[in-house]
Amino acid sequence: MLGQYLRRHREGADISLNEISISTRIRVEYLKALESEQYDRIPGDTYVRGYIKQYLKTLSVDPAEACRLYEEHRGKFIH
């Protein structure tokens, strides 16, 4: 869900992962991990949250909904 949300906003803005990487200084491999919801490929929960926020701020999108989706995803695996 979150991956699709991120990708939809990025593609809607007609911006590549490489462009987001340059703007945010986040490795493309981590951006791909966000879009494919492979959070274990990113070094820690704090980074995941920060990357989500930076990703969406680059697209001028409020990250609140994406953060909610991430928390929902995390909750499924914590319990």
PDB file of N, CA and C in Angstrom:
ATOM      1  N   MET A   1       0.817  -1.193   0.000  1.00  0.00           N
ATOM      2  CA  MET A   1       0.000   0.000   0.000  1.00  0.00           C
ATOM      3  C   MET A   1       0.861   1.257   0.000  1.00  0.00           C
ATOM      4  N   LEU A   2       1.822   1.340   0.929  1.00  0.00           N
ATOM      5  CA  LEU A   2       2.667   2.529   0.995  1.00  0.00           C
ATOM      6  C   LEU A   2       3.511   2.659  -0.267  1.00  0.00           C
ATOM      7  N   GLY A   3       4.055   1.553  -0.729  1.00  0.00           N
ATOM      8  CA  GLY A   3       4.876   1.593  -1.937  1.00  0.00           C
ATOM      9  C   GLY A   3       4.104   2.134  -3.124  1.00  0.00           C
ATOM     10  N   GLN A   4       2.873   1.674  -3.286  1.00  0.00           N
ATOM     11  CA  GLN A   4       2.027   2.162  -4.377  1.00  0.00           C
ATOM     12  C   GLN A   4       1.715   3.640  -4.200  1.00  0.00           C
ATOM     13  N   TYR A   5       1.484   4.046  -2.973  1.00  0.00           N
ATOM     14  CA  TYR A   5       1.194   5.446  -2.657  1.00  0.00           C
ATOM     15  C   TYR A   5       2.374   6.333  -3.076  1.00  0.00           C
ATOM     16  N   LEU A   6       3.578   5.925  -2.690  1.00  0.00           N
ATOM     17  CA  LEU A   6       4.771   6.694  -3.037  1.00  0.00           C
ATOM     18  C   LEU A   6       4.969   6.749  -4.550  1.00  0.00           C
ATOM     19  N   ARG A   7       4.904   5.592  -5.179  1.00  0.00           N
ATOM     20  CA  ARG A   7       5.120   5.511  -6.629  1.00  0.00           C
ATOM     21  C   ARG A   7       4.089   6.343  -7.387  1.00  0.00           C
ATOM     22  N   ARG A   8       2.839   6.282  -6.969  1.00  0.00           N
ATOM     23  CA  ARG A   8       1.778   7.039  -7.643  1.00  0.00           C
ATOM     24  C   ARG A   8       2.065   8.544  -7.596  1.00  0.00           C
ATOM     25  N   HIS A   9       2.486   9.038  -6.443  1.00  0.00           N
ATOM     26  CA  HIS A   9       2.796  10.463  -6.324  1.00  0.00           C
ATOM     27  C   HIS A   9       4.029  10.833  -7.155  1.00  0.00           C
ATOM     28  N   ARG A  10       5.035   9.965  -7.135  1.00  0.00           N
ATOM     29  CA  ARG A  10       6.261  10.242  -7.900  1.00  0.00           C
ATOM     30  C   ARG A  10       5.974  10.254  -9.387  1.00  0.00           C
ATOM     31  N   GLU A  11       5.271   9.239  -9.856  1.00  0.00           N
ATOM     32  CA  GLU A  11       4.963   9.170 -11.286  1.00  0.00           C
ATOM     33  C   GLU A  11       4.028  10.299 -11.694  1.00  0.00           C
ATOM     34  N   GLY A  12       3.112  10.685 -10.817  1.00  0.00           N
ATOM     35  CA  GLY A  12       2.215  11.799 -11.093  1.00  0.00           C
ATOM     36  C   GLY A  12       2.965  13.111 -11.250  1.00  0.00           C
ATOM     37  N   ALA A  13       4.074  13.228 -10.547  1.00  0.00           N
ATOM     38  CA  ALA A  13       4.916  14.429 -10.643  1.00  0.00           C
ATOM     39  C   ALA A  13       5.944  14.300 -11.769  1.00  0.00           C
ATOM     40  N   ASP A  14       5.950  13.140 -12.437  1.00  0.00           N
ATOM     41  CA  ASP A  14       6.883  12.864 -13.536  1.00  0.00           C
ATOM     42  C   ASP A  14       8.337  13.052 -13.100  1.00  0.00           C
ATOM     43  N   ILE A  15       8.674  12.424 -11.957  1.00  0.00           N
ATOM     44  CA  ILE A  15      10.024  12.503 -11.404  1.00  0.00           C
ATOM     45  C   ILE A  15      10.564  11.081 -11.257  1.00  0.00           C
ATOM     46  N   SER A  16      11.817  10.895 -11.622  1.00  0.00           N
ATOM     47  CA  SER A  16      12.441   9.579 -11.522  1.00  0.00           C
ATOM     48  C   SER A  16      13.008   9.356 -10.125  1.00  0.00           C
ATOM     49  N   LEU A  17      13.271   8.101  -9.812  1.00  0.00           N
ATOM     50  CA  LEU A  17      13.914   7.790  -8.536  1.00  0.00           C
ATOM     51  C   LEU A  17      15.289   8.443  -8.460  1.00  0.00           C
ATOM     52  N   ASN A  18      15.971   8.499  -9.580  1.00  0.00           N
ATOM     53  CA  ASN A  18      17.286   9.122  -9.605  1.00  0.00           C
ATOM     54  C   ASN A  18      17.200  10.610  -9.240  1.00  0.00           C
ATOM     55  N   GLU A  19      16.176  11.290  -9.743  1.00  0.00           N
ATOM     56  CA  GLU A  19      15.994  12.704  -9.425  1.00  0.00           C
ATOM     57  C   GLU A  19      15.697  12.905  -7.936  1.00  0.00           C
ATOM     58  N   ILE A  20      14.886  12.014  -7.371  1.00  0.00           N
ATOM     59  CA  ILE A  20      14.603  12.103  -5.938  1.00  0.00           C
ATOM     60  C   ILE A  20      15.877  11.832  -5.147  1.00  0.00           C
ATOM     61  N   SER A  21      16.658  10.864  -5.599  1.00  0.00           N
ATOM     62  CA  SER A  21      17.914  10.536  -4.937  1.00  0.00           C
ATOM     63  C   SER A  21      18.850  11.742  -4.908  1.00  0.00           C
ATOM     64  N   ILE A  22      18.964  12.424  -6.018  1.00  0.00           N
ATOM     65  CA  ILE A  22      19.830  13.605  -6.094  1.00  0.00           C
ATOM     66  C   ILE A  22      19.323  14.701  -5.160  1.00  0.00           C
ATOM     67  N   SER A  23      18.027  14.913  -5.163  1.00  0.00           N
ATOM     68  CA  SER A  23      17.426  15.973  -4.344  1.00  0.00           C
ATOM     69  C   SER A  23      17.518  15.689  -2.848  1.00  0.00           C
ATOM     70  N   THR A  24      17.316  14.431  -2.462  1.00  0.00           N
ATOM     71  CA  THR A  24      17.261  14.068  -1.045  1.00  0.00           C
ATOM     72  C   THR A  24      18.575  13.505  -0.514  1.00  0.00           C
ATOM     73  N   ARG A  25      19.444  13.098  -1.414  1.00  0.00           N
ATOM     74  CA  ARG A  25      20.702  12.437  -1.059  1.00  0.00           C
ATOM     75  C   ARG A  25      20.450  11.068  -0.416  1.00  0.00           C
ATOM     76  N   ILE A  26      19.334  10.447  -0.790  1.00  0.00           N
ATOM     77  CA  ILE A  26      19.005   9.086  -0.360  1.00  0.00           C
ATOM     78  C   ILE A  26      19.380   8.153  -1.506  1.00  0.00           C
ATOM     79  N   ARG A  27      20.055   7.081  -1.198  1.00  0.00           N
ATOM     80  CA  ARG A  27      20.460   6.117  -2.228  1.00  0.00           C
ATOM     81  C   ARG A  27      19.246   5.587  -2.986  1.00  0.00           C
ATOM     82  N   VAL A  28      19.425   5.402  -4.283  1.00  0.00           N
ATOM     83  CA  VAL A  28      18.351   4.868  -5.121  1.00  0.00           C
ATOM     84  C   VAL A  28      17.908   3.502  -4.607  1.00  0.00           C
ATOM     85  N   GLU A  29      18.836   2.701  -4.130  1.00  0.00           N
ATOM     86  CA  GLU A  29      18.472   1.366  -3.631  1.00  0.00           C
ATOM     87  C   GLU A  29      17.499   1.467  -2.446  1.00  0.00           C
ATOM     88  N   TYR A  30      17.639   2.490  -1.610  1.00  0.00           N
ATOM     89  CA  TYR A  30      16.718   2.678  -0.492  1.00  0.00           C
ATOM     90  C   TYR A  30      15.361   3.188  -0.979  1.00  0.00           C
ATOM     91  N   LEU A  31      15.381   4.035  -1.994  1.00  0.00           N
ATOM     92  CA  LEU A  31      14.116   4.519  -2.566  1.00  0.00           C
ATOM     93  C   LEU A  31      13.349   3.359  -3.202  1.00  0.00           C
ATOM     94  N   LYS A  32      14.062   2.486  -3.880  1.00  0.00           N
ATOM     95  CA  LYS A  32      13.434   1.297  -4.465  1.00  0.00           C
ATOM     96  C   LYS A  32      12.863   0.405  -3.361  1.00  0.00           C
ATOM     97  N   ALA A  33      13.599   0.287  -2.261  1.00  0.00           N
ATOM     98  CA  ALA A  33      13.123  -0.523  -1.132  1.00  0.00           C
ATOM     99  C   ALA A  33      11.830   0.066  -0.565  1.00  0.00           C
ATOM    100  N   LEU A  34      11.740   1.396  -0.483  1.00  0.00           N
ATOM    101  CA  LEU A  34      10.502   2.025  -0.013  1.00  0.00           C
ATOM    102  C   LEU A  34       9.344   1.689  -0.939  1.00  0.00           C
ATOM    103  N   GLU A  35       9.572   1.836  -2.235  1.00  0.00           N
ATOM    104  CA  GLU A  35       8.490   1.594  -3.201  1.00  0.00           C
ATOM    105  C   GLU A  35       8.087   0.128  -3.279  1.00  0.00           C
ATOM    106  N   SER A  36       8.987  -0.766  -2.922  1.00  0.00           N
ATOM    107  CA  SER A  36       8.649  -2.191  -2.958  1.00  0.00           C
ATOM    108  C   SER A  36       8.329  -2.727  -1.555  1.00  0.00           C
ATOM    109  N   GLU A  37       8.287  -1.812  -0.574  1.00  0.00           N
ATOM    110  CA  GLU A  37       7.946  -2.143   0.811  1.00  0.00           C
ATOM    111  C   GLU A  37       8.876  -3.196   1.403  1.00  0.00           C
ATOM    112  N   GLN A  38      10.141  -3.124   1.040  1.00  0.00           N
ATOM    113  CA  GLN A  38      11.172  -4.012   1.589  1.00  0.00           C
ATOM    114  C   GLN A  38      11.978  -3.222   2.613  1.00  0.00           C
ATOM    115  N   TYR A  39      11.323  -2.874   3.702  1.00  0.00           N
ATOM    116  CA  TYR A  39      11.898  -1.989   4.704  1.00  0.00           C
ATOM    117  C   TYR A  39      13.119  -2.587   5.387  1.00  0.00           C
ATOM    118  N   ASP A  40      13.230  -3.902   5.379  1.00  0.00           N
ATOM    119  CA  ASP A  40      14.388  -4.542   5.997  1.00  0.00           C
ATOM    120  C   ASP A  40      15.683  -4.248   5.233  1.00  0.00           C
ATOM    121  N   ARG A  41      15.588  -3.698   4.030  1.00  0.00           N
ATOM    122  CA  ARG A  41      16.768  -3.330   3.242  1.00  0.00           C
ATOM    123  C   ARG A  41      17.279  -1.938   3.610  1.00  0.00           C
ATOM    124  N   ILE A  42      16.565  -1.265   4.519  1.00  0.00           N
ATOM    125  CA  ILE A  42      16.936   0.077   4.970  1.00  0.00           C
ATOM    126  C   ILE A  42      17.412  -0.049   6.414  1.00  0.00           C
ATOM    127  N   PRO A  43      18.528   0.616   6.752  1.00  0.00           N
ATOM    128  CA  PRO A  43      19.135   0.405   8.078  1.00  0.00           C
ATOM    129  C   PRO A  43      18.388   1.067   9.236  1.00  0.00           C
ATOM    130  N   GLY A  44      17.235   0.534   9.586  1.00  0.00           N
ATOM    131  CA  GLY A  44      16.537   0.978  10.779  1.00  0.00           C
ATOM    132  C   GLY A  44      15.270   1.771  10.537  1.00  0.00           C
ATOM    133  N   ASP A  45      14.375   1.644  11.491  1.00  0.00           N
ATOM    134  CA  ASP A  45      13.062   2.272  11.435  1.00  0.00           C
ATOM    135  C   ASP A  45      13.147   3.795  11.361  1.00  0.00           C
ATOM    136  N   THR A  46      14.077   4.386  12.080  1.00  0.00           N
ATOM    137  CA  THR A  46      14.231   5.844  12.072  1.00  0.00           C
ATOM    138  C   THR A  46      14.559   6.337  10.669  1.00  0.00           C
ATOM    139  N   TYR A  47      15.417   5.598   9.969  1.00  0.00           N
ATOM    140  CA  TYR A  47      15.753   5.968   8.598  1.00  0.00           C
ATOM    141  C   TYR A  47      14.551   5.822   7.674  1.00  0.00           C
ATOM    142  N   VAL A  48      13.801   4.743   7.836  1.00  0.00           N
ATOM    143  CA  VAL A  48      12.618   4.537   6.994  1.00  0.00           C
ATOM    144  C   VAL A  48      11.671   5.726   7.127  1.00  0.00           C
ATOM    145  N   ARG A  49      11.386   6.120   8.341  1.00  0.00           N
ATOM    146  CA  ARG A  49      10.483   7.251   8.574  1.00  0.00           C
ATOM    147  C   ARG A  49      11.029   8.540   7.945  1.00  0.00           C
ATOM    148  N   GLY A  50      12.295   8.781   8.163  1.00  0.00           N
ATOM    149  CA  GLY A  50      12.920   9.981   7.608  1.00  0.00           C
ATOM    150  C   GLY A  50      12.917   9.984   6.093  1.00  0.00           C
ATOM    151  N   TYR A  51      13.198   8.830   5.506  1.00  0.00           N
ATOM    152  CA  TYR A  51      13.221   8.730   4.048  1.00  0.00           C
ATOM    153  C   TYR A  51      11.828   8.952   3.461  1.00  0.00           C
ATOM    154  N   ILE A  52      10.807   8.416   4.104  1.00  0.00           N
ATOM    155  CA  ILE A  52       9.436   8.632   3.633  1.00  0.00           C
ATOM    156  C   ILE A  52       9.124  10.123   3.624  1.00  0.00           C
ATOM    157  N   LYS A  53       9.475  10.800   4.713  1.00  0.00           N
ATOM    158  CA  LYS A  53       9.193  12.236   4.810  1.00  0.00           C
ATOM    159  C   LYS A  53       9.958  13.032   3.763  1.00  0.00           C
ATOM    160  N   GLN A  54      11.247  12.746   3.595  1.00  0.00           N
ATOM    161  CA  GLN A  54      12.042  13.458   2.600  1.00  0.00           C
ATOM    162  C   GLN A  54      11.525  13.200   1.185  1.00  0.00           C
ATOM    163  N   TYR A  55      11.219  11.967   0.906  1.00  0.00           N
ATOM    164  CA  TYR A  55      10.704  11.558  -0.410  1.00  0.00           C
ATOM    165  C   TYR A  55       9.490  12.410  -0.772  1.00  0.00           C
ATOM    166  N   LEU A  56       8.526  12.466   0.135  1.00  0.00           N
ATOM    167  CA  LEU A  56       7.282  13.177  -0.162  1.00  0.00           C
ATOM    168  C   LEU A  56       7.436  14.694  -0.121  1.00  0.00           C
ATOM    169  N   LYS A  57       8.279  15.204   0.737  1.00  0.00           N
ATOM    170  CA  LYS A  57       8.515  16.651   0.752  1.00  0.00           C
ATOM    171  C   LYS A  57       9.130  17.102  -0.569  1.00  0.00           C
ATOM    172  N   THR A  58       9.953  16.256  -1.161  1.00  0.00           N
ATOM    173  CA  THR A  58      10.527  16.563  -2.474  1.00  0.00           C
ATOM    174  C   THR A  58       9.430  16.709  -3.522  1.00  0.00           C
ATOM    175  N   LEU A  59       8.342  15.964  -3.336  1.00  0.00           N
ATOM    176  CA  LEU A  59       7.210  16.013  -4.265  1.00  0.00           C
ATOM    177  C   LEU A  59       6.150  17.023  -3.826  1.00  0.00           C
ATOM    178  N   SER A  60       6.425  17.759  -2.753  1.00  0.00           N
ATOM    179  CA  SER A  60       5.478  18.724  -2.178  1.00  0.00           C
ATOM    180  C   SER A  60       4.172  18.058  -1.746  1.00  0.00           C
ATOM    181  N   VAL A  61       4.312  16.880  -1.130  1.00  0.00           N
ATOM    182  CA  VAL A  61       3.165  16.118  -0.632  1.00  0.00           C
ATOM    183  C   VAL A  61       3.314  15.989   0.884  1.00  0.00           C
ATOM    184  N   ASP A  62       2.246  16.259   1.608  1.00  0.00           N
ATOM    185  CA  ASP A  62       2.251  16.107   3.059  1.00  0.00           C
ATOM    186  C   ASP A  62       2.494  14.630   3.388  1.00  0.00           C
ATOM    187  N   PRO A  63       3.509  14.321   4.191  1.00  0.00           N
ATOM    188  CA  PRO A  63       3.835  12.920   4.471  1.00  0.00           C
ATOM    189  C   PRO A  63       2.954  12.236   5.518  1.00  0.00           C
ATOM    190  N   ALA A  64       1.983  12.927   6.086  1.00  0.00           N
ATOM    191  CA  ALA A  64       1.169  12.362   7.172  1.00  0.00           C
ATOM    192  C   ALA A  64       0.494  11.047   6.776  1.00  0.00           C
ATOM    193  N   GLU A  65      -0.128  10.994   5.609  1.00  0.00           N
ATOM    194  CA  GLU A  65      -0.829   9.779   5.180  1.00  0.00           C
ATOM    195  C   GLU A  65       0.159   8.634   4.975  1.00  0.00           C
ATOM    196  N   ALA A  66       1.300   8.913   4.393  1.00  0.00           N
ATOM    197  CA  ALA A  66       2.308   7.881   4.168  1.00  0.00           C
ATOM    198  C   ALA A  66       2.832   7.351   5.499  1.00  0.00           C
ATOM    199  N   CYS A  67       3.032   8.232   6.457  1.00  0.00           N
ATOM    200  CA  CYS A  67       3.493   7.802   7.782  1.00  0.00           C
ATOM    201  C   CYS A  67       2.440   6.919   8.444  1.00  0.00           C
ATOM    202  N   ARG A  68       1.172   7.252   8.271  1.00  0.00           N
ATOM    203  CA  ARG A  68       0.094   6.419   8.815  1.00  0.00           C
ATOM    204  C   ARG A  68       0.114   5.030   8.168  1.00  0.00           C
ATOM    205  N   LEU A  69       0.300   4.989   6.858  1.00  0.00           N
ATOM    206  CA  LEU A  69       0.357   3.707   6.152  1.00  0.00           C
ATOM    207  C   LEU A  69       1.538   2.866   6.636  1.00  0.00           C
ATOM    208  N   TYR A  70       2.660   3.529   6.869  1.00  0.00           N
ATOM    209  CA  TYR A  70       3.835   2.806   7.356  1.00  0.00           C
ATOM    210  C   TYR A  70       3.577   2.243   8.757  1.00  0.00           C
ATOM    211  N   GLU A  71       2.988   3.048   9.623  1.00  0.00           N
ATOM    212  CA  GLU A  71       2.679   2.582  10.980  1.00  0.00           C
ATOM    213  C   GLU A  71       1.706   1.408  10.942  1.00  0.00           C
ATOM    214  N   GLU A  72       0.746   1.475  10.050  1.00  0.00           N
ATOM    215  CA  GLU A  72      -0.211   0.372   9.887  1.00  0.00           C
ATOM    216  C   GLU A  72       0.522  -0.895   9.468  1.00  0.00           C
ATOM    217  N   HIS A  73       1.443  -0.774   8.527  1.00  0.00           N
ATOM    218  CA  HIS A  73       2.243  -1.904   8.054  1.00  0.00           C
ATOM    219  C   HIS A  73       3.089  -2.472   9.194  1.00  0.00           C
ATOM    220  N   ARG A  74       3.753  -1.603   9.940  1.00  0.00           N
ATOM    221  CA  ARG A  74       4.597  -2.030  11.058  1.00  0.00           C
ATOM    222  C   ARG A  74       3.781  -2.758  12.107  1.00  0.00           C
ATOM    223  N   GLY A  75       2.590  -2.250  12.384  1.00  0.00           N
ATOM    224  CA  GLY A  75       1.732  -2.853  13.398  1.00  0.00           C
ATOM    225  C   GLY A  75       1.377  -4.297  13.099  1.00  0.00           C
ATOM    226  N   LYS A  76       1.294  -4.621  11.827  1.00  0.00           N
ATOM    227  CA  LYS A  76       0.968  -5.997  11.422  1.00  0.00           C
ATOM    228  C   LYS A  76       2.085  -6.966  11.786  1.00  0.00           C
ATOM    229  N   PHE A  77       3.306  -6.457  11.873  1.00  0.00           N
ATOM    230  CA  PHE A  77       4.443  -7.341  12.109  1.00  0.00           C
ATOM    231  C   PHE A  77       4.961  -7.292  13.540  1.00  0.00           C
ATOM    232  N   ILE A  78       4.492  -6.318  14.315  1.00  0.00           N
ATOM    233  CA  ILE A  78       4.940  -6.202  15.702  1.00  0.00           C
ATOM    234  C   ILE A  78       4.131  -7.108  16.613  1.00  0.00           C
ATOM    235  N   HIS A  79       2.857  -7.252  16.356  1.00  0.00           N
ATOM    236  CA  HIS A  79       1.970  -8.015  17.240  1.00  0.00           C
ATOM    237  C   HIS A  79       2.134  -9.494  17.059  1.00  0.00           C
TER     238      HIS A  79
END
